[in-house]
Amino acid sequence: MPRYNYKCSNCEHERVIFHLISETAGDCAECGQPKALVKQLTSPLYVTRHTKAPVVGEITKDYIEQNRELLEEEKTKRETYEPT
C-alpha cells in the first residue's frame, strides 16, 4: 500500500499516511481542521512484504545450466567438423 506525504494548510503539520491511490486524507489530526490536509508532490512509496529477492545460488545454477547447454552445442559442432 502506498504512503503519501501530507501537510496541513492550517497548522503546517506534516505527516505520512498510508492509503489506496483512490482514497484521500481529510482532517488534520493536530489542529482538527476539516479537509485541511494537502498532498505533497512526492512519488508514492510502496511497502511490499511479499517480494522475494533472487537467491544468488539460484542465479548461479541457472547460469551454469545455460552455459552447459552452450558447451554441449559447441562439442557437437567440433565432433562433426570436417576440415576442407
N, C-alpha and C. Protein backbone atom coordinates (compact mmCIF):
# COMPACT_ATOMS: atom_id res chain seq x y z
N MET A 1 0.85 -1.17 0.00
CA MET A 1 0.00 0.00 0.00
C MET A 1 0.90 1.24 0.00
N PRO A 2 0.62 2.20 -0.86
CA PRO A 2 1.49 3.38 -0.93
C PRO A 2 1.31 4.31 0.25
N ARG A 3 2.36 5.03 0.54
CA ARG A 3 2.29 6.06 1.58
C ARG A 3 2.49 7.42 0.93
N TYR A 4 1.78 8.40 1.44
CA TYR A 4 1.81 9.73 0.88
C TYR A 4 2.15 10.75 1.96
N ASN A 5 2.86 11.79 1.56
CA ASN A 5 3.17 12.88 2.47
C ASN A 5 2.08 13.94 2.37
N TYR A 6 1.59 14.36 3.53
CA TYR A 6 0.56 15.40 3.59
C TYR A 6 1.04 16.53 4.49
N LYS A 7 0.53 17.72 4.22
CA LYS A 7 0.84 18.89 5.03
C LYS A 7 -0.47 19.64 5.28
N CYS A 8 -0.67 20.05 6.52
CA CYS A 8 -1.89 20.77 6.89
C CYS A 8 -1.77 22.22 6.41
N SER A 9 -2.80 22.70 5.74
CA SER A 9 -2.78 24.08 5.26
C SER A 9 -3.05 25.08 6.38
N ASN A 10 -3.49 24.59 7.53
CA ASN A 10 -3.80 25.45 8.66
C ASN A 10 -2.62 25.56 9.64
N CYS A 11 -2.14 24.42 10.13
CA CYS A 11 -1.09 24.44 11.16
C CYS A 11 0.29 24.04 10.65
N GLU A 12 0.41 23.71 9.34
CA GLU A 12 1.69 23.35 8.70
C GLU A 12 2.27 22.02 9.22
N HIS A 13 1.46 21.23 9.92
CA HIS A 13 1.93 19.94 10.42
C HIS A 13 2.05 18.96 9.23
N GLU A 14 3.17 18.22 9.19
CA GLU A 14 3.40 17.24 8.12
C GLU A 14 3.27 15.84 8.69
N ARG A 15 2.72 14.95 7.85
CA ARG A 15 2.61 13.56 8.27
C ARG A 15 2.58 12.65 7.05
N VAL A 16 2.83 11.38 7.28
CA VAL A 16 2.81 10.36 6.24
C VAL A 16 1.58 9.49 6.50
N ILE A 17 0.78 9.26 5.45
CA ILE A 17 -0.44 8.49 5.59
C ILE A 17 -0.44 7.37 4.55
N PHE A 18 -0.80 6.17 4.99
CA PHE A 18 -0.94 5.01 4.11
C PHE A 18 -2.38 4.93 3.64
N HIS A 19 -2.60 4.87 2.34
CA HIS A 19 -3.94 4.64 1.81
C HIS A 19 -3.86 4.29 0.34
N LEU A 20 -4.97 3.81 -0.19
CA LEU A 20 -5.03 3.48 -1.61
C LEU A 20 -4.97 4.74 -2.44
N ILE A 21 -4.59 4.60 -3.69
CA ILE A 21 -4.46 5.75 -4.57
C ILE A 21 -5.81 6.43 -4.80
N SER A 22 -6.89 5.67 -4.71
CA SER A 22 -8.22 6.22 -4.94
C SER A 22 -8.78 6.95 -3.71
N GLU A 23 -8.15 6.79 -2.56
CA GLU A 23 -8.61 7.44 -1.34
C GLU A 23 -7.91 8.77 -1.14
N THR A 24 -8.47 9.61 -0.28
CA THR A 24 -7.84 10.87 0.09
C THR A 24 -7.89 11.02 1.60
N ALA A 25 -6.94 11.78 2.13
CA ALA A 25 -6.93 12.10 3.57
C ALA A 25 -7.67 13.41 3.76
N GLY A 26 -8.27 13.59 4.91
CA GLY A 26 -9.10 14.78 5.09
C GLY A 26 -8.71 15.65 6.27
N ASP A 27 -9.15 15.31 7.46
CA ASP A 27 -8.99 16.15 8.64
C ASP A 27 -7.59 16.05 9.22
N CYS A 28 -7.09 17.18 9.70
CA CYS A 28 -5.78 17.22 10.35
C CYS A 28 -5.91 16.67 11.76
N ALA A 29 -5.01 15.77 12.14
CA ALA A 29 -5.04 15.18 13.47
C ALA A 29 -4.52 16.14 14.53
N GLU A 30 -3.70 17.11 14.15
CA GLU A 30 -3.11 18.05 15.11
C GLU A 30 -4.08 19.18 15.48
N CYS A 31 -4.60 19.88 14.49
CA CYS A 31 -5.44 21.05 14.77
C CYS A 31 -6.93 20.76 14.62
N GLY A 32 -7.28 19.62 14.00
CA GLY A 32 -8.67 19.25 13.84
C GLY A 32 -9.39 19.96 12.71
N GLN A 33 -8.68 20.73 11.92
CA GLN A 33 -9.28 21.45 10.80
C GLN A 33 -9.78 20.45 9.76
N PRO A 34 -11.07 20.51 9.38
CA PRO A 34 -11.57 19.56 8.39
C PRO A 34 -11.05 19.86 6.99
N LYS A 35 -10.71 18.81 6.28
CA LYS A 35 -10.22 18.87 4.89
C LYS A 35 -9.06 19.84 4.70
N ALA A 36 -8.15 19.85 5.66
CA ALA A 36 -7.03 20.78 5.60
C ALA A 36 -5.75 20.12 5.09
N LEU A 37 -5.74 18.80 4.98
CA LEU A 37 -4.53 18.12 4.54
C LEU A 37 -4.38 18.22 3.03
N VAL A 38 -3.18 18.62 2.62
CA VAL A 38 -2.86 18.77 1.20
C VAL A 38 -1.74 17.80 0.87
N LYS A 39 -1.97 16.98 -0.17
CA LYS A 39 -0.96 16.00 -0.57
C LYS A 39 0.24 16.74 -1.14
N GLN A 40 1.43 16.37 -0.66
CA GLN A 40 2.66 16.97 -1.15
C GLN A 40 3.10 16.29 -2.44
N LEU A 41 3.82 17.00 -3.25
CA LEU A 41 4.25 16.49 -4.55
C LEU A 41 5.49 15.61 -4.36
N THR A 42 5.26 14.36 -4.11
CA THR A 42 6.32 13.36 -3.97
C THR A 42 5.85 12.10 -4.67
N SER A 43 6.78 11.23 -4.96
CA SER A 43 6.39 9.95 -5.54
C SER A 43 5.96 9.03 -4.40
N PRO A 44 4.93 8.22 -4.61
CA PRO A 44 4.47 7.34 -3.53
C PRO A 44 5.48 6.24 -3.26
N LEU A 45 5.58 5.87 -2.01
CA LEU A 45 6.46 4.79 -1.60
C LEU A 45 5.61 3.56 -1.37
N TYR A 46 5.92 2.46 -2.04
CA TYR A 46 5.15 1.24 -1.89
C TYR A 46 5.85 0.32 -0.92
N VAL A 47 5.12 -0.17 0.05
CA VAL A 47 5.66 -1.10 1.01
C VAL A 47 5.12 -2.48 0.65
N THR A 48 5.99 -3.35 0.27
CA THR A 48 5.59 -4.70 -0.07
C THR A 48 6.26 -5.67 0.88
N ARG A 49 5.52 -6.63 1.30
CA ARG A 49 6.05 -7.59 2.26
C ARG A 49 6.37 -8.92 1.62
N HIS A 50 5.82 -9.17 0.45
CA HIS A 50 5.95 -10.49 -0.14
C HIS A 50 6.90 -10.53 -1.31
N THR A 51 7.77 -9.55 -1.42
CA THR A 51 8.74 -9.60 -2.51
C THR A 51 9.88 -10.53 -2.12
N LYS A 52 10.25 -11.35 -3.05
CA LYS A 52 11.33 -12.30 -2.80
C LYS A 52 12.49 -11.95 -3.72
N ALA A 53 13.59 -11.59 -3.12
CA ALA A 53 14.78 -11.26 -3.91
C ALA A 53 15.37 -12.56 -4.45
N PRO A 54 15.94 -12.50 -5.64
CA PRO A 54 16.54 -13.71 -6.20
C PRO A 54 17.73 -14.16 -5.34
N VAL A 55 17.80 -15.44 -5.13
CA VAL A 55 18.87 -16.02 -4.33
C VAL A 55 20.07 -16.21 -5.24
N VAL A 56 21.24 -15.84 -4.75
CA VAL A 56 22.45 -15.91 -5.56
C VAL A 56 22.70 -17.33 -6.04
N GLY A 57 22.46 -18.31 -5.22
CA GLY A 57 22.67 -19.70 -5.61
C GLY A 57 21.80 -20.11 -6.78
N GLU A 58 20.55 -19.64 -6.80
CA GLU A 58 19.64 -19.96 -7.90
C GLU A 58 20.10 -19.30 -9.20
N ILE A 59 20.56 -18.06 -9.11
CA ILE A 59 21.06 -17.36 -10.29
C ILE A 59 22.28 -18.09 -10.85
N THR A 60 23.17 -18.52 -9.96
CA THR A 60 24.37 -19.23 -10.38
C THR A 60 24.02 -20.55 -11.05
N LYS A 61 23.08 -21.30 -10.47
CA LYS A 61 22.67 -22.57 -11.07
C LYS A 61 22.09 -22.37 -12.46
N ASP A 62 21.26 -21.34 -12.63
CA ASP A 62 20.69 -21.04 -13.94
C ASP A 62 21.79 -20.70 -14.94
N TYR A 63 22.76 -19.92 -14.52
CA TYR A 63 23.88 -19.52 -15.40
C TYR A 63 24.69 -20.75 -15.82
N ILE A 64 24.96 -21.61 -14.86
CA ILE A 64 25.73 -22.82 -15.17
C ILE A 64 24.97 -23.71 -16.14
N GLU A 65 23.67 -23.87 -15.92
CA GLU A 65 22.86 -24.71 -16.79
C GLU A 65 22.82 -24.15 -18.22
N GLN A 66 22.66 -22.86 -18.36
CA GLN A 66 22.65 -22.24 -19.68
C GLN A 66 23.98 -22.44 -20.39
N ASN A 67 25.07 -22.27 -19.67
CA ASN A 67 26.39 -22.44 -20.28
C ASN A 67 26.69 -23.89 -20.57
N ARG A 68 26.15 -24.79 -19.78
CA ARG A 68 26.33 -26.22 -20.04
C ARG A 68 25.69 -26.59 -21.37
N GLU A 69 24.51 -26.03 -21.63
CA GLU A 69 23.84 -26.29 -22.91
C GLU A 69 24.66 -25.74 -24.08
N LEU A 70 25.22 -24.54 -23.91
CA LEU A 70 26.07 -23.96 -24.96
C LEU A 70 27.32 -24.81 -25.19
N LEU A 71 27.89 -25.30 -24.11
CA LEU A 71 29.08 -26.14 -24.23
C LEU A 71 28.78 -27.42 -24.98
N GLU A 72 27.64 -28.03 -24.70
CA GLU A 72 27.26 -29.26 -25.42
C GLU A 72 27.07 -28.98 -26.91
N GLU A 73 26.49 -27.84 -27.24
CA GLU A 73 26.33 -27.48 -28.66
C GLU A 73 27.69 -27.33 -29.33
N GLU A 74 28.61 -26.68 -28.65
CA GLU A 74 29.95 -26.50 -29.23
C GLU A 74 30.67 -27.82 -29.38
N LYS A 75 30.47 -28.74 -28.44
CA LYS A 75 31.10 -30.06 -28.55
C LYS A 75 30.58 -30.81 -29.76
N THR A 76 29.27 -30.75 -29.99
CA THR A 76 28.72 -31.45 -31.16
C THR A 76 29.20 -30.81 -32.44
N LYS A 77 29.38 -29.50 -32.48
CA LYS A 77 29.92 -28.86 -33.66
C LYS A 77 31.35 -29.32 -33.94
N ARG A 78 32.12 -29.45 -32.88
CA ARG A 78 33.51 -29.87 -33.03
C ARG A 78 33.60 -31.31 -33.49
N GLU A 79 32.73 -32.17 -32.99
CA GLU A 79 32.76 -33.58 -33.37
C GLU A 79 32.36 -33.78 -34.84
N THR A 80 31.47 -32.94 -35.33
CA THR A 80 31.01 -33.10 -36.71
C THR A 80 31.76 -32.18 -37.66
N TYR A 81 32.80 -31.53 -37.22
CA TYR A 81 33.55 -30.60 -38.06
C TYR A 81 34.40 -31.37 -39.08
N GLU A 82 34.25 -31.00 -40.32
CA GLU A 82 35.03 -31.60 -41.41
C GLU A 82 35.88 -30.51 -42.03
N PRO A 83 37.23 -30.56 -41.86
CA PRO A 83 38.07 -29.54 -42.47
C PRO A 83 38.07 -29.70 -44.01
N THR A 84 38.16 -28.64 -44.71
CA THR A 84 38.17 -28.68 -46.18
C THR A 84 39.55 -28.56 -46.75
